[in-house]
Amino acid sequence: MEDLVAPIIDIKFDIERDLDEQIGALPLPFPGMDKSGSATCVFHIRGICQRGSMCPYRHIKPDRTVVCKHWLRGLCKKGDSCEFLHEYNMSKMPECYFYSKFRACSNKECPFLHIDPETKIKDCPWYDRGFCRHGPNCRHRHTRRVACLNYLCGFCPDGPGCKFIHMRFDIPISAANSTDPSAPKKPGVICHYCNEVGHKIYTCNQIPPEQRDELIQRFSEQYNFHYVSHENRHYQNHHHHHHQQQQQQQHQQQQQQQQQQPQQQQQQSNNSDEQTNQPKPKPSYRPLDQVTCFKCGEKGHYANKCPKGYLAFLSPALKDLHQKRNQQSSNNASMDQSES
């Protein structure tokens, strides 16, 4: 009833207008500052922000799907130009290195994602089609399924909900080799000119030909990349071909000199053989009973030949070794204090 009697939809305060138009917002003293606590720039979303890296508000791109691991520790220096998210989101955290490598993580409050490596393996499209030439060495999963007899005859009344497999007879084509524009593109490759997914700035078709070298050179200087233009590449190829010709001439001259002086070469080879045949002193190693493996803490082998492999850090002998070292260090410290 209040909205009908006294509507306030058309009323807008001055502070709301100032916040929307960013009136009074001062630029940053220097680019690259941490803006994780600032609001999102409305002008950047519209594509009309003119402050660039000096804008005090955050410039968020929708293509960022993983949280920056350096930003979590407060060490990211890229700011808005970082390719990863600068926000704490548990669903977008990077994968835990220890769980993916060793399938074990000792940190009970680990902030990273624990993903089972077996879930990353995709089904082999060739095996689902009927035959895979790689056999058991294939990097994809080979899942045995029962073929649907009705589908093989020509029609299955259950359709996609059938409990049996409907075999596909189309030849699998990878996304990298496909020429179809509707094919799925690589999600991790982003063009810094048009902000589209699937290609880089070096192969972007939207850049004008007369501005291509200038834009790519500016991009390479900004991100410390090395780029060689088409003209410089042609000059380098010509210089490389000329350098190869000089090397061939030098090689021919060396062959002629070798043919003229065969006796000197034989004498040099005999002298070198005598030097190499001299017995070298063998290094002295400690017996294995006195060798302690720094991976598992047990004696009798070196760390590069540890039989426990990646799980050596879970050995109880390693904990005992650390306790003994701590006791020795504490005893030495107490003896030094008593002597002083």
C-alpha atoms as a PDB file:
ATOM      1  CA  MET A   1       0.000   0.000   0.000  1.00  0.00           C
ATOM      2  CA  GLU A   2       2.864   2.379   0.776  1.00  0.00           C
ATOM      3  CA  ASP A   3       4.330   1.778  -2.685  1.00  0.00           C
ATOM      4  CA  LEU A   4       1.026   2.846  -4.234  1.00  0.00           C
ATOM      5  CA  VAL A   5       0.445   5.918  -2.060  1.00  0.00           C
ATOM      6  CA  ALA A   6       4.023   7.259  -1.871  1.00  0.00           C
ATOM      7  CA  PRO A   7       6.329   5.441  -4.316  1.00  0.00           C
ATOM      8  CA  ILE A   8      10.057   6.063  -3.890  1.00  0.00           C
ATOM      9  CA  ILE A   9      11.301   4.273  -7.015  1.00  0.00           C
ATOM     10  CA  ASP A  10      12.207   7.480  -8.857  1.00  0.00           C
ATOM     11  CA  ILE A  11      13.977   9.017  -5.845  1.00  0.00           C
ATOM     12  CA  LYS A  12      17.771   8.708  -6.002  1.00  0.00           C
ATOM     13  CA  PHE A  13      20.160  10.195  -3.472  1.00  0.00           C
ATOM     14  CA  ASP A  14      23.298  12.096  -4.382  1.00  0.00           C
ATOM     15  CA  ILE A  15      25.525   9.576  -2.622  1.00  0.00           C
ATOM     16  CA  GLU A  16      24.138   6.786  -4.806  1.00  0.00           C
ATOM     17  CA  ARG A  17      24.903   8.806  -7.919  1.00  0.00           C
ATOM     18  CA  ASP A  18      28.436   9.573  -6.667  1.00  0.00           C
ATOM     19  CA  LEU A  19      29.108   5.898  -5.950  1.00  0.00           C
ATOM     20  CA  ASP A  20      27.852   4.790  -9.360  1.00  0.00           C
ATOM     21  CA  GLU A  21      29.895   7.418 -11.216  1.00  0.00           C
ATOM     22  CA  GLN A  22      32.975   6.970  -8.936  1.00  0.00           C
ATOM     23  CA  ILE A  23      33.080  10.668  -8.077  1.00  0.00           C
ATOM     24  CA  GLY A  24      35.886  11.415  -5.615  1.00  0.00           C
ATOM     25  CA  ALA A  25      37.703   8.109  -6.172  1.00  0.00           C
ATOM     26  CA  LEU A  26      41.438   8.809  -6.278  1.00  0.00           C
ATOM     27  CA  PRO A  27      43.779   6.733  -8.469  1.00  0.00           C
ATOM     28  CA  LEU A  28      46.308   4.391  -6.923  1.00  0.00           C
ATOM     29  CA  PRO A  29      49.742   5.829  -6.014  1.00  0.00           C
ATOM     30  CA  PHE A  30      51.429   3.084  -8.069  1.00  0.00           C
ATOM     31  CA  PRO A  31      50.143   0.118 -10.132  1.00  0.00           C
ATOM     32  CA  GLY A  32      50.118  -3.463  -8.890  1.00  0.00           C
ATOM     33  CA  MET A  33      48.697  -2.784  -5.425  1.00  0.00           C
ATOM     34  CA  ASP A  34      46.490  -5.306  -3.647  1.00  0.00           C
ATOM     35  CA  LYS A  35      42.823  -4.432  -4.262  1.00  0.00           C
ATOM     36  CA  SER A  36      41.244  -7.573  -2.816  1.00  0.00           C
ATOM     37  CA  GLY A  37      39.257  -5.518  -0.272  1.00  0.00           C
ATOM     38  CA  SER A  38      37.955  -3.015  -2.830  1.00  0.00           C
ATOM     39  CA  ALA A  39      34.655  -3.087  -4.691  1.00  0.00           C
ATOM     40  CA  THR A  40      34.206  -4.185  -8.288  1.00  0.00           C
ATOM     41  CA  CYS A  41      34.673  -1.526 -10.968  1.00  0.00           C
ATOM     42  CA  VAL A  42      31.336  -0.944 -12.730  1.00  0.00           C
ATOM     43  CA  PHE A  43      32.999   0.891 -15.620  1.00  0.00           C
ATOM     44  CA  HIS A  44      35.299  -2.076 -16.314  1.00  0.00           C
ATOM     45  CA  ILE A  45      32.281  -4.383 -16.602  1.00  0.00           C
ATOM     46  CA  ARG A  46      30.822  -2.005 -19.192  1.00  0.00           C
ATOM     47  CA  GLY A  47      34.208  -1.703 -20.918  1.00  0.00           C
ATOM     48  CA  ILE A  48      34.577   2.076 -20.441  1.00  0.00           C
ATOM     49  CA  CYS A  49      37.101   2.304 -17.576  1.00  0.00           C
ATOM     50  CA  GLN A  50      39.901   4.705 -18.568  1.00  0.00           C
ATOM     51  CA  ARG A  51      42.130   4.393 -15.496  1.00  0.00           C
ATOM     52  CA  GLY A  52      43.538   0.973 -16.340  1.00  0.00           C
ATOM     53  CA  SER A  53      45.983  -0.361 -13.756  1.00  0.00           C
ATOM     54  CA  MET A  54      45.663   2.836 -11.669  1.00  0.00           C
ATOM     55  CA  CYS A  55      41.964   2.238 -10.958  1.00  0.00           C
ATOM     56  CA  PRO A  56      41.300   1.825  -7.198  1.00  0.00           C
ATOM     57  CA  TYR A  57      38.564  -0.753  -7.847  1.00  0.00           C
ATOM     58  CA  ARG A  58      38.928  -4.380  -8.876  1.00  0.00           C
ATOM     59  CA  HIS A  59      38.901  -5.372 -12.554  1.00  0.00           C
ATOM     60  CA  ILE A  60      37.422  -8.875 -12.567  1.00  0.00           C
ATOM     61  CA  LYS A  61      37.424 -11.087 -15.658  1.00  0.00           C
ATOM     62  CA  PRO A  62      34.874 -13.903 -15.952  1.00  0.00           C
ATOM     63  CA  ASP A  63      37.408 -16.370 -17.405  1.00  0.00           C
ATOM     64  CA  ARG A  64      39.269 -16.836 -14.107  1.00  0.00           C
ATOM     65  CA  THR A  65      38.213 -20.111 -12.533  1.00  0.00           C
ATOM     66  CA  VAL A  66      41.066 -21.009 -10.122  1.00  0.00           C
ATOM     67  CA  VAL A  67      42.191 -19.147  -7.000  1.00  0.00           C
ATOM     68  CA  CYS A  68      45.741 -17.741  -7.130  1.00  0.00           C
ATOM     69  CA  LYS A  69      47.967 -19.742  -4.766  1.00  0.00           C
ATOM     70  CA  HIS A  70      50.409 -16.829  -4.439  1.00  0.00           C
ATOM     71  CA  TRP A  71      47.588 -14.438  -3.469  1.00  0.00           C
ATOM     72  CA  LEU A  72      46.601 -16.811  -0.646  1.00  0.00           C
ATOM     73  CA  ARG A  73      50.025 -16.180   0.915  1.00  0.00           C
ATOM     74  CA  GLY A  74      50.017 -12.467   0.055  1.00  0.00           C
ATOM     75  CA  LEU A  75      52.843 -12.792  -2.496  1.00  0.00           C
ATOM     76  CA  CYS A  76      51.096 -12.110  -5.833  1.00  0.00           C
ATOM     77  CA  LYS A  77      52.596  -9.085  -7.614  1.00  0.00           C
ATOM     78  CA  LYS A  78      50.419  -9.075 -10.742  1.00  0.00           C
ATOM     79  CA  GLY A  79      47.319  -7.468  -9.269  1.00  0.00           C
ATOM     80  CA  ASP A  80      44.472  -7.214 -11.803  1.00  0.00           C
ATOM     81  CA  SER A  81      46.681  -8.648 -14.570  1.00  0.00           C
ATOM     82  CA  CYS A  82      46.862 -12.019 -12.780  1.00  0.00           C
ATOM     83  CA  GLU A  83      45.326 -14.941 -14.683  1.00  0.00           C
ATOM     84  CA  PHE A  84      43.839 -16.409 -11.481  1.00  0.00           C
ATOM     85  CA  LEU A  85      41.169 -15.362  -9.000  1.00  0.00           C
ATOM     86  CA  HIS A  86      41.994 -13.076  -6.077  1.00  0.00           C
ATOM     87  CA  GLU A  87      39.168 -14.218  -3.789  1.00  0.00           C
ATOM     88  CA  TYR A  88      38.813 -16.975  -1.219  1.00  0.00           C
ATOM     89  CA  ASN A  89      36.425 -19.524  -2.747  1.00  0.00           C
ATOM     90  CA  MET A  90      36.673 -23.137  -1.589  1.00  0.00           C
ATOM     91  CA  SER A  91      34.999 -24.490  -4.735  1.00  0.00           C
ATOM     92  CA  LYS A  92      37.642 -22.816  -6.941  1.00  0.00           C
ATOM     93  CA  MET A  93      40.760 -23.623  -4.943  1.00  0.00           C
ATOM     94  CA  PRO A  94      43.713 -25.249  -6.761  1.00  0.00           C
ATOM     95  CA  GLU A  95      44.386 -28.947  -6.413  1.00  0.00           C
ATOM     96  CA  CYS A  96      46.458 -30.235  -3.489  1.00  0.00           C
ATOM     97  CA  TYR A  97      49.912 -31.247  -4.741  1.00  0.00           C
ATOM     98  CA  PHE A  98      50.565 -33.868  -2.052  1.00  0.00           C
ATOM     99  CA  TYR A  99      47.206 -35.601  -2.486  1.00  0.00           C
ATOM    100  CA  SER A 100      47.555 -35.699  -6.270  1.00  0.00           C
ATOM    101  CA  LYS A 101      51.185 -36.890  -6.092  1.00  0.00           C
ATOM    102  CA  PHE A 102      51.238 -39.246  -3.096  1.00  0.00           C
ATOM    103  CA  ARG A 103      47.495 -39.802  -2.537  1.00  0.00           C
ATOM    104  CA  ALA A 104      48.030 -38.724   1.067  1.00  0.00           C
ATOM    105  CA  CYS A 105      47.882 -35.332   2.791  1.00  0.00           C
ATOM    106  CA  SER A 106      48.851 -34.992   6.472  1.00  0.00           C
ATOM    107  CA  ASN A 107      47.282 -31.530   6.837  1.00  0.00           C
ATOM    108  CA  LYS A 108      43.836 -31.963   8.402  1.00  0.00           C
ATOM    109  CA  GLU A 109      42.896 -28.353   7.565  1.00  0.00           C
ATOM    110  CA  CYS A 110      44.261 -28.354   4.020  1.00  0.00           C
ATOM    111  CA  PRO A 111      42.583 -25.511   2.057  1.00  0.00           C
ATOM    112  CA  PHE A 112      43.243 -27.124  -1.339  1.00  0.00           C
ATOM    113  CA  LEU A 113      41.045 -29.571  -3.220  1.00  0.00           C
ATOM    114  CA  HIS A 114      41.549 -33.315  -2.751  1.00  0.00           C
ATOM    115  CA  ILE A 115      40.605 -34.864  -6.097  1.00  0.00           C
ATOM    116  CA  ASP A 116      40.897 -38.573  -6.724  1.00  0.00           C
ATOM    117  CA  PRO A 117      43.309 -39.086  -9.666  1.00  0.00           C
ATOM    118  CA  GLU A 118      41.163 -41.911 -11.034  1.00  0.00           C
ATOM    119  CA  THR A 119      38.249 -39.551 -11.589  1.00  0.00           C
ATOM    120  CA  LYS A 120      40.388 -37.483 -13.995  1.00  0.00           C
ATOM    121  CA  ILE A 121      40.812 -40.401 -16.399  1.00  0.00           C
ATOM    122  CA  LYS A 122      38.393 -40.148 -19.312  1.00  0.00           C
ATOM    123  CA  ASP A 123      36.753 -43.038 -21.113  1.00  0.00           C
ATOM    124  CA  CYS A 124      38.573 -44.140 -24.257  1.00  0.00           C
ATOM    125  CA  PRO A 125      36.443 -43.192 -27.309  1.00  0.00           C
ATOM    126  CA  TRP A 126      38.162 -45.824 -29.462  1.00  0.00           C
ATOM    127  CA  TYR A 127      37.451 -48.602 -26.956  1.00  0.00           C
ATOM    128  CA  ASP A 128      33.812 -47.511 -26.749  1.00  0.00           C
ATOM    129  CA  ARG A 129      33.718 -47.694 -30.545  1.00  0.00           C
ATOM    130  CA  GLY A 130      34.934 -51.291 -30.484  1.00  0.00           C
ATOM    131  CA  PHE A 131      38.757 -51.441 -30.613  1.00  0.00           C
ATOM    132  CA  CYS A 132      41.732 -49.525 -29.192  1.00  0.00           C
ATOM    133  CA  ARG A 133      45.185 -50.192 -30.636  1.00  0.00           C
ATOM    134  CA  HIS A 134      46.978 -49.182 -27.421  1.00  0.00           C
ATOM    135  CA  GLY A 135      45.386 -52.002 -25.450  1.00  0.00           C
ATOM    136  CA  PRO A 136      46.207 -52.055 -21.710  1.00  0.00           C
ATOM    137  CA  ASN A 137      48.825 -49.301 -22.206  1.00  0.00           C
ATOM    138  CA  CYS A 138      46.182 -46.726 -23.160  1.00  0.00           C
ATOM    139  CA  ARG A 139      46.133 -43.619 -20.991  1.00  0.00           C
ATOM    140  CA  HIS A 140      42.301 -43.543 -21.047  1.00  0.00           C
ATOM    141  CA  ARG A 141      39.927 -45.819 -19.168  1.00  0.00           C
ATOM    142  CA  HIS A 142      38.768 -49.058 -20.805  1.00  0.00           C
ATOM    143  CA  THR A 143      35.379 -49.942 -19.308  1.00  0.00           C
ATOM    144  CA  ARG A 144      33.750 -53.189 -20.333  1.00  0.00           C
ATOM    145  CA  ARG A 145      30.087 -52.776 -21.155  1.00  0.00           C
ATOM    146  CA  VAL A 146      27.379 -54.983 -22.648  1.00  0.00           C
ATOM    147  CA  ALA A 147      26.173 -53.860 -26.063  1.00  0.00           C
ATOM    148  CA  CYS A 148      22.475 -53.302 -26.629  1.00  0.00           C
ATOM    149  CA  LEU A 149      21.159 -55.876 -29.107  1.00  0.00           C
ATOM    150  CA  ASN A 150      18.136 -53.760 -29.989  1.00  0.00           C
ATOM    151  CA  TYR A 151      20.382 -50.800 -30.856  1.00  0.00           C
ATOM    152  CA  LEU A 152      22.610 -53.035 -32.999  1.00  0.00           C
ATOM    153  CA  CYS A 153      19.524 -54.260 -34.865  1.00  0.00           C
ATOM    154  CA  GLY A 154      18.508 -50.678 -35.596  1.00  0.00           C
ATOM    155  CA  PHE A 155      16.187 -49.380 -32.864  1.00  0.00           C
ATOM    156  CA  CYS A 156      16.102 -49.361 -29.055  1.00  0.00           C
ATOM    157  CA  PRO A 157      12.775 -48.456 -27.377  1.00  0.00           C
ATOM    158  CA  ASP A 158      14.518 -47.356 -24.137  1.00  0.00           C
ATOM    159  CA  GLY A 159      16.533 -44.654 -25.887  1.00  0.00           C
ATOM    160  CA  PRO A 160      19.198 -42.821 -23.835  1.00  0.00           C
ATOM    161  CA  GLY A 161      17.861 -44.428 -20.652  1.00  0.00           C
ATOM    162  CA  CYS A 162      18.887 -47.911 -21.744  1.00  0.00           C
ATOM    163  CA  LYS A 163      21.007 -49.825 -19.228  1.00  0.00           C
ATOM    164  CA  PHE A 164      23.129 -51.298 -22.041  1.00  0.00           C
ATOM    165  CA  ILE A 165      25.691 -49.428 -24.124  1.00  0.00           C
ATOM    166  CA  HIS A 166      24.763 -47.810 -27.419  1.00  0.00           C
ATOM    167  CA  MET A 167      27.964 -48.039 -29.428  1.00  0.00           C
ATOM    168  CA  ARG A 168      29.138 -45.068 -31.465  1.00  0.00           C
ATOM    169  CA  PHE A 169      30.581 -45.752 -34.890  1.00  0.00           C
ATOM    170  CA  ASP A 170      31.867 -42.217 -35.553  1.00  0.00           C
ATOM    171  CA  ILE A 171      35.661 -41.885 -35.679  1.00  0.00           C
ATOM    172  CA  PRO A 172      36.837 -39.869 -32.634  1.00  0.00           C
ATOM    173  CA  ILE A 173      38.512 -36.569 -33.517  1.00  0.00           C
ATOM    174  CA  SER A 174      40.470 -34.571 -30.960  1.00  0.00           C
ATOM    175  CA  ALA A 175      39.595 -30.932 -30.351  1.00  0.00           C
ATOM    176  CA  ALA A 176      43.092 -29.824 -31.424  1.00  0.00           C
ATOM    177  CA  ASN A 177      42.802 -31.447 -34.890  1.00  0.00           C
ATOM    178  CA  SER A 178      39.140 -30.625 -35.557  1.00  0.00           C
ATOM    179  CA  THR A 179      38.267 -27.875 -38.046  1.00  0.00           C
ATOM    180  CA  ASP A 180      34.717 -27.417 -36.777  1.00  0.00           C
ATOM    181  CA  PRO A 181      34.285 -23.914 -35.276  1.00  0.00           C
ATOM    182  CA  SER A 182      31.669 -25.276 -32.875  1.00  0.00           C
ATOM    183  CA  ALA A 183      34.169 -27.776 -31.406  1.00  0.00           C
ATOM    184  CA  PRO A 184      35.113 -27.314 -27.727  1.00  0.00           C
ATOM    185  CA  LYS A 185      38.071 -25.011 -27.234  1.00  0.00           C
ATOM    186  CA  LYS A 186      40.839 -25.112 -24.690  1.00  0.00           C
ATOM    187  CA  PRO A 187      39.563 -23.415 -21.530  1.00  0.00           C
ATOM    188  CA  GLY A 188      43.022 -22.420 -20.296  1.00  0.00           C
ATOM    189  CA  VAL A 189      44.061 -20.436 -23.410  1.00  0.00           C
ATOM    190  CA  ILE A 190      42.753 -16.852 -23.475  1.00  0.00           C
ATOM    191  CA  CYS A 191      43.468 -14.102 -26.001  1.00  0.00           C
ATOM    192  CA  HIS A 192      44.591 -10.855 -24.336  1.00  0.00           C
ATOM    193  CA  TYR A 193      43.255  -8.763 -27.250  1.00  0.00           C
ATOM    194  CA  CYS A 194      39.649  -9.973 -27.706  1.00  0.00           C
ATOM    195  CA  ASN A 195      39.389 -11.900 -24.376  1.00  0.00           C
ATOM    196  CA  GLU A 196      38.003 -14.964 -26.173  1.00  0.00           C
ATOM    197  CA  VAL A 197      38.802 -18.527 -25.134  1.00  0.00           C
ATOM    198  CA  GLY A 198      40.602 -20.980 -27.418  1.00  0.00           C
ATOM    199  CA  HIS A 199      43.500 -18.985 -28.941  1.00  0.00           C
ATOM    200  CA  LYS A 200      46.289 -16.589 -28.038  1.00  0.00           C
ATOM    201  CA  ILE A 201      47.054 -13.074 -29.158  1.00  0.00           C
ATOM    202  CA  TYR A 202      49.680 -14.336 -31.626  1.00  0.00           C
ATOM    203  CA  THR A 203      46.993 -16.117 -33.701  1.00  0.00           C
ATOM    204  CA  CYS A 204      44.061 -13.727 -33.160  1.00  0.00           C
ATOM    205  CA  ASN A 205      42.180 -12.950 -36.394  1.00  0.00           C
ATOM    206  CA  GLN A 206      40.550  -9.783 -35.054  1.00  0.00           C
ATOM    207  CA  ILE A 207      43.805  -7.786 -34.924  1.00  0.00           C
ATOM    208  CA  PRO A 208      44.296  -5.507 -37.969  1.00  0.00           C
ATOM    209  CA  PRO A 209      47.302  -6.605 -40.069  1.00  0.00           C
ATOM    210  CA  GLU A 210      48.999  -3.205 -39.860  1.00  0.00           C
ATOM    211  CA  GLN A 211      48.791  -3.183 -36.039  1.00  0.00           C
ATOM    212  CA  ARG A 212      49.637  -6.840 -35.385  1.00  0.00           C
ATOM    213  CA  ASP A 213      53.402  -6.485 -34.806  1.00  0.00           C
ATOM    214  CA  GLU A 214      52.984  -3.354 -32.692  1.00  0.00           C
ATOM    215  CA  LEU A 215      50.315  -4.851 -30.409  1.00  0.00           C
ATOM    216  CA  ILE A 216      52.126  -8.157 -29.968  1.00  0.00           C
ATOM    217  CA  GLN A 217      55.418  -6.366 -29.262  1.00  0.00           C
ATOM    218  CA  ARG A 218      53.697  -4.214 -26.643  1.00  0.00           C
ATOM    219  CA  PHE A 219      52.135  -7.299 -25.069  1.00  0.00           C
ATOM    220  CA  SER A 220      55.481  -9.131 -24.987  1.00  0.00           C
ATOM    221  CA  GLU A 221      57.187  -6.154 -23.308  1.00  0.00           C
ATOM    222  CA  GLN A 222      54.406  -5.945 -20.712  1.00  0.00           C
ATOM    223  CA  TYR A 223      54.603  -9.630 -19.748  1.00  0.00           C
ATOM    224  CA  ASN A 224      58.371 -10.063 -20.404  1.00  0.00           C
ATOM    225  CA  PHE A 225      57.864 -12.423 -23.370  1.00  0.00           C
ATOM    226  CA  HIS A 226      60.111 -12.742 -26.419  1.00  0.00           C
ATOM    227  CA  TYR A 227      58.450 -12.103 -29.763  1.00  0.00           C
ATOM    228  CA  VAL A 228      60.028 -12.047 -33.215  1.00  0.00           C
ATOM    229  CA  SER A 229      58.155 -10.276 -36.013  1.00  0.00           C
ATOM    230  CA  HIS A 230      57.778 -11.680 -39.524  1.00  0.00           C
ATOM    231  CA  GLU A 231      60.507  -9.452 -41.015  1.00  0.00           C
ATOM    232  CA  ASN A 232      62.978 -10.172 -38.216  1.00  0.00           C
ATOM    233  CA  ARG A 233      62.186 -13.871 -38.467  1.00  0.00           C
ATOM    234  CA  HIS A 234      62.994 -13.767 -42.212  1.00  0.00           C
ATOM    235  CA  TYR A 235      66.270 -11.955 -41.470  1.00  0.00           C
ATOM    236  CA  GLN A 236      67.170 -14.496 -38.783  1.00  0.00           C
ATOM    237  CA  ASN A 237      66.473 -17.400 -41.153  1.00  0.00           C
ATOM    238  CA  HIS A 238      68.692 -15.807 -43.828  1.00  0.00           C
ATOM    239  CA  HIS A 239      71.437 -15.168 -41.264  1.00  0.00           C
ATOM    240  CA  HIS A 240      71.124 -18.750 -40.010  1.00  0.00           C
ATOM    241  CA  HIS A 241      71.483 -20.105 -43.585  1.00  0.00           C
ATOM    242  CA  HIS A 242      74.606 -17.975 -44.139  1.00  0.00           C
ATOM    243  CA  HIS A 243      76.021 -19.199 -40.817  1.00  0.00           C
ATOM    244  CA  GLN A 244      75.454 -22.823 -41.889  1.00  0.00           C
ATOM    245  CA  GLN A 245      77.399 -22.232 -45.115  1.00  0.00           C
ATOM    246  CA  GLN A 246      80.328 -20.852 -43.126  1.00  0.00           C
ATOM    247  CA  GLN A 247      80.264 -23.889 -40.854  1.00  0.00           C
ATOM    248  CA  GLN A 248      80.324 -26.227 -43.863  1.00  0.00           C
ATOM    249  CA  GLN A 249      83.366 -24.442 -45.284  1.00  0.00           C
ATOM    250  CA  GLN A 250      85.162 -24.656 -41.952  1.00  0.00           C
ATOM    251  CA  HIS A 251      84.314 -28.352 -41.726  1.00  0.00           C
ATOM    252  CA  GLN A 252      85.806 -29.006 -45.172  1.00  0.00           C
ATOM    253  CA  GLN A 253      89.004 -27.183 -44.224  1.00  0.00           C
ATOM    254  CA  GLN A 254      89.301 -29.247 -41.066  1.00  0.00           C
ATOM    255  CA  GLN A 255      88.922 -32.472 -43.045  1.00  0.00           C
ATOM    256  CA  GLN A 256      91.722 -31.429 -45.392  1.00  0.00           C
ATOM    257  CA  GLN A 257      94.008 -30.660 -42.462  1.00  0.00           C
ATOM    258  CA  GLN A 258      93.252 -34.040 -40.927  1.00  0.00           C
ATOM    259  CA  GLN A 259      94.156 -35.831 -44.153  1.00  0.00           C
ATOM    260  CA  GLN A 260      97.469 -33.960 -44.376  1.00  0.00           C
ATOM    261  CA  GLN A 261      98.532 -34.782 -40.800  1.00  0.00           C
ATOM    262  CA  PRO A 262      97.569 -38.409 -40.024  1.00  0.00           C
ATOM    263  CA  GLN A 263     100.702 -39.151 -38.021  1.00  0.00           C
ATOM    264  CA  GLN A 264     100.164 -36.316 -35.569  1.00  0.00           C
ATOM    265  CA  GLN A 265      96.637 -37.490 -34.917  1.00  0.00           C
ATOM    266  CA  GLN A 266      97.831 -41.036 -34.208  1.00  0.00           C
ATOM    267  CA  GLN A 267     100.417 -39.774 -31.724  1.00  0.00           C
ATOM    268  CA  GLN A 268      97.831 -37.614 -29.973  1.00  0.00           C
ATOM    269  CA  SER A 269      95.388 -40.508 -29.788  1.00  0.00           C
ATOM    270  CA  ASN A 270      98.083 -42.803 -28.324  1.00  0.00           C
ATOM    271  CA  ASN A 271      98.929 -40.231 -25.676  1.00  0.00           C
ATOM    272  CA  SER A 272      95.272 -39.779 -24.797  1.00  0.00           C
ATOM    273  CA  ASP A 273      94.807 -43.573 -24.536  1.00  0.00           C
ATOM    274  CA  GLU A 274      97.726 -43.810 -22.134  1.00  0.00           C
ATOM    275  CA  GLN A 275      96.219 -41.074 -19.981  1.00  0.00           C
ATOM    276  CA  THR A 276      92.782 -42.678 -19.922  1.00  0.00           C
ATOM    277  CA  ASN A 277      94.179 -46.132 -19.110  1.00  0.00           C
ATOM    278  CA  GLN A 278      95.777 -44.868 -15.911  1.00  0.00           C
ATOM    279  CA  PRO A 279      93.910 -46.209 -12.843  1.00  0.00           C
ATOM    280  CA  LYS A 280      91.797 -43.600 -11.062  1.00  0.00           C
ATOM    281  CA  PRO A 281      91.594 -43.575  -7.275  1.00  0.00           C
ATOM    282  CA  LYS A 282      88.317 -45.103  -6.103  1.00  0.00           C
ATOM    283  CA  PRO A 283      86.283 -43.007  -3.669  1.00  0.00           C
ATOM    284  CA  SER A 284      85.926 -44.430  -0.191  1.00  0.00           C
ATOM    285  CA  TYR A 285      82.368 -44.971   1.036  1.00  0.00           C
ATOM    286  CA  ARG A 286      81.100 -45.656   4.527  1.00  0.00           C
ATOM    287  CA  PRO A 287      79.652 -49.107   5.267  1.00  0.00           C
ATOM    288  CA  LEU A 288      75.887 -49.377   4.933  1.00  0.00           C
ATOM    289  CA  ASP A 289      75.534 -50.101   8.654  1.00  0.00           C
ATOM    290  CA  GLN A 290      76.576 -46.511   9.378  1.00  0.00           C
ATOM    291  CA  VAL A 291      74.449 -44.902   6.647  1.00  0.00           C
ATOM    292  CA  THR A 292      71.116 -43.324   7.693  1.00  0.00           C
ATOM    293  CA  CYS A 293      68.439 -42.590   5.090  1.00  0.00           C
ATOM    294  CA  PHE A 294      67.171 -39.019   5.537  1.00  0.00           C
ATOM    295  CA  LYS A 295      63.820 -39.937   3.914  1.00  0.00           C
ATOM    296  CA  CYS A 296      62.637 -42.752   6.204  1.00  0.00           C
ATOM    297  CA  GLY A 297      65.200 -42.509   9.039  1.00  0.00           C
ATOM    298  CA  GLU A 298      66.280 -46.163   8.824  1.00  0.00           C
ATOM    299  CA  LYS A 299      69.850 -47.449   8.417  1.00  0.00           C
ATOM    300  CA  GLY A 300      71.274 -49.739   5.757  1.00  0.00           C
ATOM    301  CA  HIS A 301      70.617 -47.813   2.537  1.00  0.00           C
ATOM    302  CA  TYR A 302      70.958 -44.410   0.900  1.00  0.00           C
ATOM    303  CA  ALA A 303      68.059 -42.049   0.209  1.00  0.00           C
ATOM    304  CA  ASN A 304      68.215 -42.546  -3.568  1.00  0.00           C
ATOM    305  CA  LYS A 305      67.647 -46.293  -3.034  1.00  0.00           C
ATOM    306  CA  CYS A 306      64.969 -46.054  -0.358  1.00  0.00           C
ATOM    307  CA  PRO A 307      62.547 -49.014  -0.762  1.00  0.00           C
ATOM    308  CA  LYS A 308      59.581 -47.090   0.674  1.00  0.00           C
ATOM    309  CA  GLY A 309      59.420 -44.655  -2.238  1.00  0.00           C
ATOM    310  CA  TYR A 310      57.050 -41.689  -1.948  1.00  0.00           C
ATOM    311  CA  LEU A 311      55.596 -42.780   1.412  1.00  0.00           C
ATOM    312  CA  ALA A 312      58.949 -42.701   3.221  1.00  0.00           C
ATOM    313  CA  PHE A 313      57.997 -39.548   5.142  1.00  0.00           C
ATOM    314  CA  LEU A 314      55.328 -41.591   7.009  1.00  0.00           C
ATOM    315  CA  SER A 315      57.924 -43.936   8.549  1.00  0.00           C
ATOM    316  CA  PRO A 316      57.977 -43.971  12.392  1.00  0.00           C
ATOM    317  CA  ALA A 317      61.780 -44.247  12.352  1.00  0.00           C
ATOM    318  CA  LEU A 318      61.943 -40.748  10.889  1.00  0.00           C
ATOM    319  CA  LYS A 319      60.056 -39.328  13.875  1.00  0.00           C
ATOM    320  CA  ASP A 320      62.412 -41.122  16.283  1.00  0.00           C
ATOM    321  CA  LEU A 321      65.390 -39.688  14.410  1.00  0.00           C
ATOM    322  CA  HIS A 322      64.005 -36.143  14.766  1.00  0.00           C
ATOM    323  CA  GLN A 323      63.398 -36.686  18.477  1.00  0.00           C
ATOM    324  CA  LYS A 324      66.970 -37.904  19.011  1.00  0.00           C
ATOM    325  CA  ARG A 325      68.365 -34.890  17.177  1.00  0.00           C
ATOM    326  CA  ASN A 326      66.223 -32.529  19.258  1.00  0.00           C
ATOM    327  CA  GLN A 327      67.400 -34.214  22.466  1.00  0.00           C
ATOM    328  CA  GLN A 328      71.030 -33.965  21.390  1.00  0.00           C
ATOM    329  CA  SER A 329      70.653 -30.289  20.545  1.00  0.00           C
ATOM    330  CA  SER A 330      68.954 -29.589  23.902  1.00  0.00           C
ATOM    331  CA  ASN A 331      71.700 -31.500  25.776  1.00  0.00           C
ATOM    332  CA  ASN A 332      74.412 -29.568  23.971  1.00  0.00           C
ATOM    333  CA  ALA A 333      72.683 -26.295  24.801  1.00  0.00           C
ATOM    334  CA  SER A 334      72.390 -27.241  28.494  1.00  0.00           C
ATOM    335  CA  MET A 335      76.087 -28.228  28.607  1.00  0.00           C
ATOM    336  CA  ASP A 336      77.087 -24.904  27.086  1.00  0.00           C
ATOM    337  CA  GLN A 337      75.030 -23.030  29.669  1.00  0.00           C
ATOM    338  CA  SER A 338      76.564 -25.032  32.550  1.00  0.00           C
ATOM    339  CA  GLU A 339      80.102 -24.381  31.310  1.00  0.00           C
ATOM    340  CA  SER A 340      79.428 -20.675  30.944  1.00  0.00           C
END
